[in-house]
Amino acid sequence: MALKIRLARGGAKKRPFYRIVVAEATAPRDGRFIERIGHYNPLLARDNPDRVKFDAERVKHWLGHGAQPTERLARIFAESDLVKFTQPNRPNKSTPKKKAQERAAAEQAKSAAPAEGA
């Protein structure tokens, strides 16, 4: 049974509020979970102490049992020195696709042509 420490969304439309839960990896995002270990409110200011609250002892317990935190929670836990967060390597994620690259090259060639003729 693979375990995840992840966020389960709550709150109204456009007013998110998340519970930090331990769940099986195959369980739905807002569905069945094993234990609730905290909460996260992204609408509060970063320096507000109520933005993120979690039970560090329970986080250590579940990490010891092999639970893997999601990327967002790994960042949050890294601030409390519970896990070591390394930036994931995604070199091609933000590069434009083929058609966008062709359009950019055409625009660059078009803008370079009047500069050469002047």
PDB file of N, CA and C in Angstrom:
ATOM      1  N   MET A   1       0.845  -1.175   0.000  1.00  0.00           N
ATOM      2  CA  MET A   1       0.000   0.000   0.000  1.00  0.00           C
ATOM      3  C   MET A   1       0.893   1.242   0.000  1.00  0.00           C
ATOM      4  N   ALA A   2       0.881   2.003  -1.094  1.00  0.00           N
ATOM      5  CA  ALA A   2       1.666   3.230  -1.213  1.00  0.00           C
ATOM      6  C   ALA A   2       0.907   4.376  -0.556  1.00  0.00           C
ATOM      7  N   LEU A   3       1.606   5.106   0.303  1.00  0.00           N
ATOM      8  CA  LEU A   3       0.976   6.213   1.021  1.00  0.00           C
ATOM      9  C   LEU A   3       1.472   7.551   0.496  1.00  0.00           C
ATOM     10  N   LYS A   4       0.584   8.528   0.512  1.00  0.00           N
ATOM     11  CA  LYS A   4       0.913   9.891   0.116  1.00  0.00           C
ATOM     12  C   LYS A   4       0.476  10.828   1.229  1.00  0.00           C
ATOM     13  N   ILE A   5       1.275  11.859   1.452  1.00  0.00           N
ATOM     14  CA  ILE A   5       0.852  12.973   2.291  1.00  0.00           C
ATOM     15  C   ILE A   5       0.500  14.063   1.299  1.00  0.00           C
ATOM     16  N   ARG A   6      -0.779  14.437   1.241  1.00  0.00           N
ATOM     17  CA  ARG A   6      -1.221  15.364   0.212  1.00  0.00           C
ATOM     18  C   ARG A   6      -2.306  16.295   0.720  1.00  0.00           C
ATOM     19  N   LEU A   7      -2.712  17.201  -0.159  1.00  0.00           N
ATOM     20  CA  LEU A   7      -3.734  18.183   0.182  1.00  0.00           C
ATOM     21  C   LEU A   7      -5.092  17.704  -0.316  1.00  0.00           C
ATOM     22  N   ALA A   8      -6.107  17.828   0.545  1.00  0.00           N
ATOM     23  CA  ALA A   8      -7.492  17.542   0.155  1.00  0.00           C
ATOM     24  C   ALA A   8      -8.224  18.875   0.172  1.00  0.00           C
ATOM     25  N   ARG A   9      -8.830  19.251  -0.949  1.00  0.00           N
ATOM     26  CA  ARG A   9      -9.429  20.582  -1.084  1.00  0.00           C
ATOM     27  C   ARG A   9     -10.780  20.658  -0.398  1.00  0.00           C
ATOM     28  N   GLY A  10     -10.987  21.797   0.228  1.00  0.00           N
ATOM     29  CA  GLY A  10     -12.274  22.131   0.822  1.00  0.00           C
ATOM     30  C   GLY A  10     -12.539  23.589   0.535  1.00  0.00           C
ATOM     31  N   GLY A  11     -13.541  24.152   1.155  1.00  0.00           N
ATOM     32  CA  GLY A  11     -13.831  25.562   0.949  1.00  0.00           C
ATOM     33  C   GLY A  11     -14.766  25.790  -0.213  1.00  0.00           C
ATOM     34  N   ALA A  12     -15.200  27.016  -0.352  1.00  0.00           N
ATOM     35  CA  ALA A  12     -16.152  27.383  -1.386  1.00  0.00           C
ATOM     36  C   ALA A  12     -15.438  27.618  -2.721  1.00  0.00           C
ATOM     37  N   LYS A  13     -16.237  27.887  -3.733  1.00  0.00           N
ATOM     38  CA  LYS A  13     -15.702  28.181  -5.052  1.00  0.00           C
ATOM     39  C   LYS A  13     -14.825  29.428  -4.988  1.00  0.00           C
ATOM     40  N   LYS A  14     -13.623  29.335  -5.544  1.00  0.00           N
ATOM     41  CA  LYS A  14     -12.628  30.405  -5.557  1.00  0.00           C
ATOM     42  C   LYS A  14     -12.170  30.825  -4.170  1.00  0.00           C
ATOM     43  N   ARG A  15     -12.419  30.031  -3.148  1.00  0.00           N
ATOM     44  CA  ARG A  15     -11.961  30.279  -1.778  1.00  0.00           C
ATOM     45  C   ARG A  15     -11.376  28.978  -1.230  1.00  0.00           C
ATOM     46  N   PRO A  16     -10.227  28.531  -1.740  1.00  0.00           N
ATOM     47  CA  PRO A  16      -9.713  27.215  -1.355  1.00  0.00           C
ATOM     48  C   PRO A  16      -9.232  27.160   0.086  1.00  0.00           C
ATOM     49  N   PHE A  17      -9.400  25.996   0.659  1.00  0.00           N
ATOM     50  CA  PHE A  17      -8.889  25.661   1.982  1.00  0.00           C
ATOM     51  C   PHE A  17      -8.519  24.187   1.899  1.00  0.00           C
ATOM     52  N   TYR A  18      -7.327  23.843   2.334  1.00  0.00           N
ATOM     53  CA  TYR A  18      -6.859  22.471   2.174  1.00  0.00           C
ATOM     54  C   TYR A  18      -6.600  21.811   3.516  1.00  0.00           C
ATOM     55  N   ARG A  19      -6.929  20.524   3.590  1.00  0.00           N
ATOM     56  CA  ARG A  19      -6.551  19.698   4.735  1.00  0.00           C
ATOM     57  C   ARG A  19      -5.320  18.899   4.329  1.00  0.00           C
ATOM     58  N   ILE A  20      -4.366  18.791   5.209  1.00  0.00           N
ATOM     59  CA  ILE A  20      -3.193  17.961   4.956  1.00  0.00           C
ATOM     60  C   ILE A  20      -3.537  16.574   5.477  1.00  0.00           C
ATOM     61  N   VAL A  21      -3.577  15.600   4.582  1.00  0.00           N
ATOM     62  CA  VAL A  21      -4.009  14.259   4.951  1.00  0.00           C
ATOM     63  C   VAL A  21      -3.002  13.217   4.495  1.00  0.00           C
ATOM     64  N   VAL A  22      -3.060  12.062   5.145  1.00  0.00           N
ATOM     65  CA  VAL A  22      -2.313  10.881   4.719  1.00  0.00           C
ATOM     66  C   VAL A  22      -3.341   9.962   4.078  1.00  0.00           C
ATOM     67  N   ALA A  23      -3.094   9.564   2.845  1.00  0.00           N
ATOM     68  CA  ALA A  23      -4.042   8.729   2.113  1.00  0.00           C
ATOM     69  C   ALA A  23      -3.299   7.729   1.253  1.00  0.00           C
ATOM     70  N   GLU A  24      -4.031   6.709   0.828  1.00  0.00           N
ATOM     71  CA  GLU A  24      -3.460   5.787  -0.136  1.00  0.00           C
ATOM     72  C   GLU A  24      -3.295   6.524  -1.459  1.00  0.00           C
ATOM     73  N   ALA A  25      -2.296   6.153  -2.219  1.00  0.00           N
ATOM     74  CA  ALA A  25      -2.010   6.848  -3.465  1.00  0.00           C
ATOM     75  C   ALA A  25      -3.143   6.702  -4.473  1.00  0.00           C
ATOM     76  N   THR A  26      -3.930   5.636  -4.379  1.00  0.00           N
ATOM     77  CA  THR A  26      -5.002   5.403  -5.339  1.00  0.00           C
ATOM     78  C   THR A  26      -6.323   6.041  -4.921  1.00  0.00           C
ATOM     79  N   ALA A  27      -6.415   6.581  -3.726  1.00  0.00           N
ATOM     80  CA  ALA A  27      -7.656   7.190  -3.248  1.00  0.00           C
ATOM     81  C   ALA A  27      -7.885   8.526  -3.952  1.00  0.00           C
ATOM     82  N   PRO A  28      -9.149   8.933  -4.146  1.00  0.00           N
ATOM     83  CA  PRO A  28      -9.427  10.224  -4.783  1.00  0.00           C
ATOM     84  C   PRO A  28      -8.892  11.391  -3.962  1.00  0.00           C
ATOM     85  N   ARG A  29      -8.667  12.526  -4.617  1.00  0.00           N
ATOM     86  CA  ARG A  29      -8.082  13.695  -3.950  1.00  0.00           C
ATOM     87  C   ARG A  29      -8.869  14.108  -2.715  1.00  0.00           C
ATOM     88  N   ASP A  30     -10.178  14.219  -2.845  1.00  0.00           N
ATOM     89  CA  ASP A  30     -11.008  14.654  -1.731  1.00  0.00           C
ATOM     90  C   ASP A  30     -11.730  13.489  -1.077  1.00  0.00           C
ATOM     91  N   GLY A  31     -11.318  12.274  -1.378  1.00  0.00           N
ATOM     92  CA  GLY A  31     -12.022  11.090  -0.894  1.00  0.00           C
ATOM     93  C   GLY A  31     -11.436  10.540   0.397  1.00  0.00           C
ATOM     94  N   ARG A  32     -11.382   9.228   0.453  1.00  0.00           N
ATOM     95  CA  ARG A  32     -10.988   8.515   1.661  1.00  0.00           C
ATOM     96  C   ARG A  32      -9.538   8.820   2.032  1.00  0.00           C
ATOM     97  N   PHE A  33      -9.308   9.036   3.320  1.00  0.00           N
ATOM     98  CA  PHE A  33      -7.952   9.245   3.812  1.00  0.00           C
ATOM     99  C   PHE A  33      -7.785   8.501   5.131  1.00  0.00           C
ATOM    100  N   ILE A  34      -6.538   8.332   5.526  1.00  0.00           N
ATOM    101  CA  ILE A  34      -6.234   7.575   6.735  1.00  0.00           C
ATOM    102  C   ILE A  34      -6.244   8.482   7.954  1.00  0.00           C
ATOM    103  N   GLU A  35      -5.564   9.630   7.830  1.00  0.00           N
ATOM    104  CA  GLU A  35      -5.468  10.538   8.972  1.00  0.00           C
ATOM    105  C   GLU A  35      -5.306  11.973   8.494  1.00  0.00           C
ATOM    106  N   ARG A  36      -5.951  12.884   9.195  1.00  0.00           N
ATOM    107  CA  ARG A  36      -5.786  14.312   8.925  1.00  0.00           C
ATOM    108  C   ARG A  36      -4.697  14.818   9.868  1.00  0.00           C
ATOM    109  N   ILE A  37      -3.663  15.456   9.316  1.00  0.00           N
ATOM    110  CA  ILE A  37      -2.546  15.879  10.160  1.00  0.00           C
ATOM    111  C   ILE A  37      -2.329  17.383  10.163  1.00  0.00           C
ATOM    112  N   GLY A  38      -3.199  18.142   9.474  1.00  0.00           N
ATOM    113  CA  GLY A  38      -3.046  19.587   9.512  1.00  0.00           C
ATOM    114  C   GLY A  38      -3.929  20.266   8.492  1.00  0.00           C
ATOM    115  N   HIS A  39      -3.693  21.571   8.297  1.00  0.00           N
ATOM    116  CA  HIS A  39      -4.431  22.332   7.291  1.00  0.00           C
ATOM    117  C   HIS A  39      -3.546  23.412   6.688  1.00  0.00           C
ATOM    118  N   TYR A  40      -3.993  23.915   5.521  1.00  0.00           N
ATOM    119  CA  TYR A  40      -3.248  24.908   4.762  1.00  0.00           C
ATOM    120  C   TYR A  40      -4.257  25.857   4.135  1.00  0.00           C
ATOM    121  N   ASN A  41      -4.089  27.161   4.385  1.00  0.00           N
ATOM    122  CA  ASN A  41      -4.978  28.177   3.824  1.00  0.00           C
ATOM    123  C   ASN A  41      -4.147  29.116   2.957  1.00  0.00           C
ATOM    124  N   PRO A  42      -4.147  28.924   1.624  1.00  0.00           N
ATOM    125  CA  PRO A  42      -3.297  29.735   0.748  1.00  0.00           C
ATOM    126  C   PRO A  42      -3.744  31.187   0.621  1.00  0.00           C
ATOM    127  N   LEU A  43      -4.941  31.529   1.084  1.00  0.00           N
ATOM    128  CA  LEU A  43      -5.427  32.899   0.978  1.00  0.00           C
ATOM    129  C   LEU A  43      -4.826  33.824   2.031  1.00  0.00           C
ATOM    130  N   LEU A  44      -4.277  33.258   3.090  1.00  0.00           N
ATOM    131  CA  LEU A  44      -3.650  34.082   4.126  1.00  0.00           C
ATOM    132  C   LEU A  44      -2.250  34.511   3.697  1.00  0.00           C
ATOM    133  N   ALA A  45      -1.752  35.577   4.290  1.00  0.00           N
ATOM    134  CA  ALA A  45      -0.412  36.079   3.981  1.00  0.00           C
ATOM    135  C   ALA A  45       0.642  35.047   4.373  1.00  0.00           C
ATOM    136  N   ARG A  46       1.768  35.088   3.669  1.00  0.00           N
ATOM    137  CA  ARG A  46       2.828  34.106   3.927  1.00  0.00           C
ATOM    138  C   ARG A  46       3.361  34.148   5.359  1.00  0.00           C
ATOM    139  N   ASP A  47       3.357  35.328   5.970  1.00  0.00           N
ATOM    140  CA  ASP A  47       3.899  35.441   7.322  1.00  0.00           C
ATOM    141  C   ASP A  47       2.852  35.172   8.398  1.00  0.00           C
ATOM    142  N   ASN A  48       1.617  34.890   8.023  1.00  0.00           N
ATOM    143  CA  ASN A  48       0.557  34.603   8.985  1.00  0.00           C
ATOM    144  C   ASN A  48       0.780  33.206   9.576  1.00  0.00           C
ATOM    145  N   PRO A  49       0.798  33.077  10.911  1.00  0.00           N
ATOM    146  CA  PRO A  49       1.043  31.757  11.511  1.00  0.00           C
ATOM    147  C   PRO A  49      -0.087  30.759  11.274  1.00  0.00           C
ATOM    148  N   ASP A  50      -1.282  31.231  10.920  1.00  0.00           N
ATOM    149  CA  ASP A  50      -2.405  30.325  10.671  1.00  0.00           C
ATOM    150  C   ASP A  50      -2.460  29.813   9.233  1.00  0.00           C
ATOM    151  N   ARG A  51      -1.527  30.236   8.385  1.00  0.00           N
ATOM    152  CA  ARG A  51      -1.530  29.800   6.983  1.00  0.00           C
ATOM    153  C   ARG A  51      -1.314  28.297   6.878  1.00  0.00           C
ATOM    154  N   VAL A  52      -0.335  27.770   7.587  1.00  0.00           N
ATOM    155  CA  VAL A  52      -0.052  26.333   7.582  1.00  0.00           C
ATOM    156  C   VAL A  52       0.097  25.875   9.024  1.00  0.00           C
ATOM    157  N   LYS A  53      -0.676  24.856   9.380  1.00  0.00           N
ATOM    158  CA  LYS A  53      -0.532  24.229  10.693  1.00  0.00           C
ATOM    159  C   LYS A  53      -0.579  22.726  10.499  1.00  0.00           C
ATOM    160  N   PHE A  54       0.383  22.033  11.100  1.00  0.00           N
ATOM    161  CA  PHE A  54       0.391  20.581  11.028  1.00  0.00           C
ATOM    162  C   PHE A  54       1.080  20.020  12.257  1.00  0.00           C
ATOM    163  N   ASP A  55       0.802  18.747  12.536  1.00  0.00           N
ATOM    164  CA  ASP A  55       1.390  18.042  13.664  1.00  0.00           C
ATOM    165  C   ASP A  55       2.710  17.425  13.199  1.00  0.00           C
ATOM    166  N   ALA A  56       3.820  18.033  13.594  1.00  0.00           N
ATOM    167  CA  ALA A  56       5.137  17.597  13.121  1.00  0.00           C
ATOM    168  C   ALA A  56       5.452  16.160  13.542  1.00  0.00           C
ATOM    169  N   GLU A  57       4.998  15.762  14.717  1.00  0.00           N
ATOM    170  CA  GLU A  57       5.258  14.390  15.179  1.00  0.00           C
ATOM    171  C   GLU A  57       4.569  13.371  14.274  1.00  0.00           C
ATOM    172  N   ARG A  58       3.338  13.668  13.871  1.00  0.00           N
ATOM    173  CA  ARG A  58       2.612  12.742  12.997  1.00  0.00           C
ATOM    174  C   ARG A  58       3.226  12.734  11.591  1.00  0.00           C
ATOM    175  N   VAL A  59       3.714  13.884  11.144  1.00  0.00           N
ATOM    176  CA  VAL A  59       4.381  13.931   9.843  1.00  0.00           C
ATOM    177  C   VAL A  59       5.623  13.047   9.880  1.00  0.00           C
ATOM    178  N   LYS A  60       6.426  13.163  10.939  1.00  0.00           N
ATOM    179  CA  LYS A  60       7.620  12.312  11.080  1.00  0.00           C
ATOM    180  C   LYS A  60       7.234  10.840  11.114  1.00  0.00           C
ATOM    181  N   HIS A  61       6.155  10.532  11.841  1.00  0.00           N
ATOM    182  CA  HIS A  61       5.681   9.145  11.940  1.00  0.00           C
ATOM    183  C   HIS A  61       5.353   8.587  10.558  1.00  0.00           C
ATOM    184  N   TRP A  62       4.574   9.320   9.764  1.00  0.00           N
ATOM    185  CA  TRP A  62       4.166   8.828   8.460  1.00  0.00           C
ATOM    186  C   TRP A  62       5.322   8.813   7.467  1.00  0.00           C
ATOM    187  N   LEU A  63       6.225   9.768   7.563  1.00  0.00           N
ATOM    188  CA  LEU A  63       7.409   9.730   6.701  1.00  0.00           C
ATOM    189  C   LEU A  63       8.256   8.505   7.025  1.00  0.00           C
ATOM    190  N   GLY A  64       8.309   8.147   8.309  1.00  0.00           N
ATOM    191  CA  GLY A  64       9.023   6.951   8.726  1.00  0.00           C
ATOM    192  C   GLY A  64       8.394   5.675   8.216  1.00  0.00           C
ATOM    193  N   HIS A  65       7.089   5.707   7.964  1.00  0.00           N
ATOM    194  CA  HIS A  65       6.383   4.547   7.431  1.00  0.00           C
ATOM    195  C   HIS A  65       6.353   4.536   5.897  1.00  0.00           C
ATOM    196  N   GLY A  66       7.083   5.441   5.265  1.00  0.00           N
ATOM    197  CA  GLY A  66       7.227   5.413   3.815  1.00  0.00           C
ATOM    198  C   GLY A  66       6.274   6.302   3.047  1.00  0.00           C
ATOM    199  N   ALA A  67       5.526   7.149   3.720  1.00  0.00           N
ATOM    200  CA  ALA A  67       4.622   8.046   3.005  1.00  0.00           C
ATOM    201  C   ALA A  67       5.432   9.103   2.266  1.00  0.00           C
ATOM    202  N   GLN A  68       5.026   9.411   1.037  1.00  0.00           N
ATOM    203  CA  GLN A  68       5.719  10.392   0.212  1.00  0.00           C
ATOM    204  C   GLN A  68       4.900  11.676   0.148  1.00  0.00           C
ATOM    205  N   PRO A  69       5.479  12.827   0.522  1.00  0.00           N
ATOM    206  CA  PRO A  69       4.731  14.079   0.405  1.00  0.00           C
ATOM    207  C   PRO A  69       4.672  14.550  -1.045  1.00  0.00           C
ATOM    208  N   THR A  70       3.630  15.291  -1.386  1.00  0.00           N
ATOM    209  CA  THR A  70       3.548  15.896  -2.710  1.00  0.00           C
ATOM    210  C   THR A  70       4.565  17.031  -2.775  1.00  0.00           C
ATOM    211  N   GLU A  71       4.753  17.579  -3.966  1.00  0.00           N
ATOM    212  CA  GLU A  71       5.759  18.630  -4.140  1.00  0.00           C
ATOM    213  C   GLU A  71       5.453  19.853  -3.273  1.00  0.00           C
ATOM    214  N   ARG A  72       4.210  20.287  -3.240  1.00  0.00           N
ATOM    215  CA  ARG A  72       3.824  21.454  -2.436  1.00  0.00           C
ATOM    216  C   ARG A  72       4.085  21.191  -0.952  1.00  0.00           C
ATOM    217  N   LEU A  73       3.723  20.018  -0.465  1.00  0.00           N
ATOM    218  CA  LEU A  73       3.940  19.719   0.951  1.00  0.00           C
ATOM    219  C   LEU A  73       5.416  19.510   1.254  1.00  0.00           C
ATOM    220  N   ALA A  74       6.177  19.005   0.309  1.00  0.00           N
ATOM    221  CA  ALA A  74       7.621  18.867   0.525  1.00  0.00           C
ATOM    222  C   ALA A  74       8.240  20.244   0.742  1.00  0.00           C
ATOM    223  N   ARG A  75       7.764  21.249  -0.020  1.00  0.00           N
ATOM    224  CA  ARG A  75       8.254  22.616   0.179  1.00  0.00           C
ATOM    225  C   ARG A  75       7.887  23.131   1.571  1.00  0.00           C
ATOM    226  N   ILE A  76       6.654  22.877   1.977  1.00  0.00           N
ATOM    227  CA  ILE A  76       6.189  23.339   3.295  1.00  0.00           C
ATOM    228  C   ILE A  76       6.960  22.644   4.400  1.00  0.00           C
ATOM    229  N   PHE A  77       7.121  21.323   4.295  1.00  0.00           N
ATOM    230  CA  PHE A  77       7.843  20.571   5.328  1.00  0.00           C
ATOM    231  C   PHE A  77       9.326  20.933   5.357  1.00  0.00           C
ATOM    232  N   ALA A  78       9.893  21.336   4.213  1.00  0.00           N
ATOM    233  CA  ALA A  78      11.303  21.718   4.163  1.00  0.00           C
ATOM    234  C   ALA A  78      11.548  22.981   4.983  1.00  0.00           C
ATOM    235  N   GLU A  79      10.554  23.863   5.063  1.00  0.00           N
ATOM    236  CA  GLU A  79      10.696  25.064   5.881  1.00  0.00           C
ATOM    237  C   GLU A  79      10.821  24.716   7.356  1.00  0.00           C
ATOM    238  N   SER A  80      10.240  23.577   7.771  1.00  0.00           N
ATOM    239  CA  SER A  80      10.323  23.117   9.156  1.00  0.00           C
ATOM    240  C   SER A  80      11.415  22.068   9.340  1.00  0.00           C
ATOM    241  N   ASP A  81      12.243  21.859   8.321  1.00  0.00           N
ATOM    242  CA  ASP A  81      13.349  20.890   8.346  1.00  0.00           C
ATOM    243  C   ASP A  81      12.883  19.457   8.599  1.00  0.00           C
ATOM    244  N   LEU A  82      11.710  19.094   8.082  1.00  0.00           N
ATOM    245  CA  LEU A  82      11.238  17.713   8.208  1.00  0.00           C
ATOM    246  C   LEU A  82      11.704  16.864   7.035  1.00  0.00           C
ATOM    247  N   VAL A  83      11.794  17.459   5.851  1.00  0.00           N
ATOM    248  CA  VAL A  83      12.303  16.762   4.676  1.00  0.00           C
ATOM    249  C   VAL A  83      13.261  17.689   3.943  1.00  0.00           C
ATOM    250  N   LYS A  84      14.068  17.106   3.082  1.00  0.00           N
ATOM    251  CA  LYS A  84      14.968  17.899   2.249  1.00  0.00           C
ATOM    252  C   LYS A  84      14.310  18.036   0.887  1.00  0.00           C
ATOM    253  N   PHE A  85      14.054  19.278   0.470  1.00  0.00           N
ATOM    254  CA  PHE A  85      13.396  19.516  -0.811  1.00  0.00           C
ATOM    255  C   PHE A  85      14.422  19.899  -1.854  1.00  0.00           C
ATOM    256  N   THR A  86      14.364  19.215  -2.979  1.00  0.00           N
ATOM    257  CA  THR A  86      15.204  19.581  -4.113  1.00  0.00           C
ATOM    258  C   THR A  86      14.284  19.962  -5.262  1.00  0.00           C
ATOM    259  N   GLN A  87      14.649  20.997  -5.967  1.00  0.00           N
ATOM    260  CA  GLN A  87      13.846  21.480  -7.095  1.00  0.00           C
ATOM    261  C   GLN A  87      13.799  20.401  -8.167  1.00  0.00           C
ATOM    262  N   PRO A  88      12.610  20.011  -8.644  1.00  0.00           N
ATOM    263  CA  PRO A  88      12.546  18.995  -9.693  1.00  0.00           C
ATOM    264  C   PRO A  88      13.109  19.522 -11.009  1.00  0.00           C
ATOM    265  N   ASN A  89      13.689  18.634 -11.774  1.00  0.00           N
ATOM    266  CA  ASN A  89      14.316  19.001 -13.039  1.00  0.00           C
ATOM    267  C   ASN A  89      13.289  18.859 -14.164  1.00  0.00           C
ATOM    268  N   ARG A  90      12.798  19.994 -14.655  1.00  0.00           N
ATOM    269  CA  ARG A  90      11.823  19.986 -15.745  1.00  0.00           C
ATOM    270  C   ARG A  90      12.304  20.918 -16.846  1.00  0.00           C
ATOM    271  N   PRO A  91      13.342  20.549 -17.579  1.00  0.00           N
ATOM    272  CA  PRO A  91      13.918  21.480 -18.547  1.00  0.00           C
ATOM    273  C   PRO A  91      13.009  21.786 -19.732  1.00  0.00           C
ATOM    274  N   ASN A  92      12.115  20.892 -20.130  1.00  0.00           N
ATOM    275  CA  ASN A  92      11.304  21.102 -21.328  1.00  0.00           C
ATOM    276  C   ASN A  92       9.880  21.528 -21.025  1.00  0.00           C
ATOM    277  N   LYS A  93       9.519  21.667 -19.775  1.00  0.00           N
ATOM    278  CA  LYS A  93       8.132  21.947 -19.440  1.00  0.00           C
ATOM    279  C   LYS A  93       7.679  23.320 -19.935  1.00  0.00           C
ATOM    280  N   SER A  94       8.519  24.322 -19.826  1.00  0.00           N
ATOM    281  CA  SER A  94       8.089  25.672 -20.170  1.00  0.00           C
ATOM    282  C   SER A  94       8.494  26.105 -21.579  1.00  0.00           C
ATOM    283  N   THR A  95       9.168  25.260 -22.308  1.00  0.00           N
ATOM    284  CA  THR A  95       9.558  25.650 -23.666  1.00  0.00           C
ATOM    285  C   THR A  95       8.336  25.620 -24.582  1.00  0.00           C
ATOM    286  N   PRO A  96       8.251  26.556 -25.512  1.00  0.00           N
ATOM    287  CA  PRO A  96       7.114  26.572 -26.441  1.00  0.00           C
ATOM    288  C   PRO A  96       7.117  25.327 -27.328  1.00  0.00           C
ATOM    289  N   LYS A  97       5.930  24.959 -27.789  1.00  0.00           N
ATOM    290  CA  LYS A  97       5.804  23.803 -28.671  1.00  0.00           C
ATOM    291  C   LYS A  97       6.246  24.177 -30.083  1.00  0.00           C
ATOM    292  N   LYS A  98       6.192  23.225 -31.009  1.00  0.00           N
ATOM    293  CA  LYS A  98       6.755  23.386 -32.346  1.00  0.00           C
ATOM    294  C   LYS A  98       6.126  24.551 -33.116  1.00  0.00           C
ATOM    295  N   LYS A  99       4.785  24.642 -33.131  1.00  0.00           N
ATOM    296  CA  LYS A  99       4.123  25.702 -33.896  1.00  0.00           C
ATOM    297  C   LYS A  99       4.444  27.080 -33.322  1.00  0.00           C
ATOM    298  N   ALA A 100       4.500  27.190 -32.016  1.00  0.00           N
ATOM    299  CA  ALA A 100       4.822  28.472 -31.389  1.00  0.00           C
ATOM    300  C   ALA A 100       6.251  28.888 -31.715  1.00  0.00           C
ATOM    301  N   GLN A 101       7.170  27.930 -31.753  1.00  0.00           N
ATOM    302  CA  GLN A 101       8.548  28.238 -32.123  1.00  0.00           C
ATOM    303  C   GLN A 101       8.630  28.720 -33.573  1.00  0.00           C
ATOM    304  N   GLU A 102       7.838  28.086 -34.466  1.00  0.00           N
ATOM    305  CA  GLU A 102       7.830  28.507 -35.870  1.00  0.00           C
ATOM    306  C   GLU A 102       7.282  29.925 -36.002  1.00  0.00           C
ATOM    307  N   ARG A 103       6.204  30.246 -35.283  1.00  0.00           N
ATOM    308  CA  ARG A 103       5.635  31.597 -35.316  1.00  0.00           C
ATOM    309  C   ARG A 103       6.636  32.626 -34.814  1.00  0.00           C
ATOM    310  N   ALA A 104       7.325  32.308 -33.723  1.00  0.00           N
ATOM    311  CA  ALA A 104       8.311  33.231 -33.155  1.00  0.00           C
ATOM    312  C   ALA A 104       9.456  33.469 -34.141  1.00  0.00           C
ATOM    313  N   ALA A 105       9.895  32.416 -34.817  1.00  0.00           N
ATOM    314  CA  ALA A 105      10.969  32.560 -35.800  1.00  0.00           C
ATOM    315  C   ALA A 105      10.506  33.418 -36.976  1.00  0.00           C
ATOM    316  N   ALA A 106       9.247  33.222 -37.413  1.00  0.00           N
ATOM    317  CA  ALA A 106       8.714  34.011 -38.522  1.00  0.00           C
ATOM    318  C   ALA A 106       8.599  35.486 -38.124  1.00  0.00           C
ATOM    319  N   GLU A 107       8.132  35.764 -36.927  1.00  0.00           N
ATOM    320  CA  GLU A 107       8.018  37.150 -36.453  1.00  0.00           C
ATOM    321  C   GLU A 107       9.393  37.800 -36.330  1.00  0.00           C
ATOM    322  N   GLN A 108      10.365  37.032 -35.854  1.00  0.00           N
ATOM    323  CA  GLN A 108      11.715  37.573 -35.705  1.00  0.00           C
ATOM    324  C   GLN A 108      12.317  37.887 -37.087  1.00  0.00           C
ATOM    325  N   ALA A 109      12.081  37.004 -38.048  1.00  0.00           N
ATOM    326  CA  ALA A 109      12.589  37.247 -39.401  1.00  0.00           C
ATOM    327  C   ALA A 109      11.886  38.458 -40.031  1.00  0.00           C
ATOM    328  N   LYS A 110      10.600  38.588 -39.760  1.00  0.00           N
ATOM    329  CA  LYS A 110       9.813  39.710 -40.297  1.00  0.00           C
ATOM    330  C   LYS A 110      10.279  41.040 -39.714  1.00  0.00           C
ATOM    331  N   SER A 111      10.561  41.057 -38.418  1.00  0.00           N
ATOM    332  CA  SER A 111      11.023  42.295 -37.771  1.00  0.00           C
ATOM    333  C   SER A 111      12.480  42.608 -38.137  1.00  0.00           C
ATOM    334  N   ALA A 112      13.263  41.591 -38.469  1.00  0.00           N
ATOM    335  CA  ALA A 112      14.669  41.824 -38.848  1.00  0.00           C
ATOM    336  C   ALA A 112      14.789  42.347 -40.290  1.00  0.00           C
ATOM    337  N   ALA A 113      13.843  42.017 -41.141  1.00  0.00           N
ATOM    338  CA  ALA A 113      13.902  42.434 -42.549  1.00  0.00           C
ATOM    339  C   ALA A 113      13.853  43.953 -42.712  1.00  0.00           C
ATOM    340  N   PRO A 114      12.937  44.704 -42.074  1.00  0.00           N
ATOM    341  CA  PRO A 114      12.950  46.164 -42.231  1.00  0.00           C
ATOM    342  C   PRO A 114      14.199  46.811 -41.654  1.00  0.00           C
ATOM    343  N   ALA A 115      14.764  46.222 -40.617  1.00  0.00           N
ATOM    344  CA  ALA A 115      15.967  46.785 -40.013  1.00  0.00           C
ATOM    345  C   ALA A 115      17.145  46.680 -40.977  1.00  0.00           C
ATOM    346  N   GLU A 116      17.205  45.631 -41.764  1.00  0.00           N
ATOM    347  CA  GLU A 116      18.291  45.458 -42.719  1.00  0.00           C
ATOM    348  C   GLU A 116      18.121  46.389 -43.913  1.00  0.00           C
ATOM    349  N   GLY A 117      16.866  46.624 -44.330  1.00  0.00           N
ATOM    350  CA  GLY A 117      16.606  47.450 -45.495  1.00  0.00           C
ATOM    351  C   GLY A 117      16.789  48.935 -45.215  1.00  0.00           C
ATOM    352  N   ALA A 118      16.738  49.360 -43.982  1.00  0.00           N
ATOM    353  CA  ALA A 118      16.824  50.790 -43.661  1.00  0.00           C
ATOM    354  C   ALA A 118      18.192  51.324 -43.642  1.00  0.00           C
TER     355      ALA A 118
END
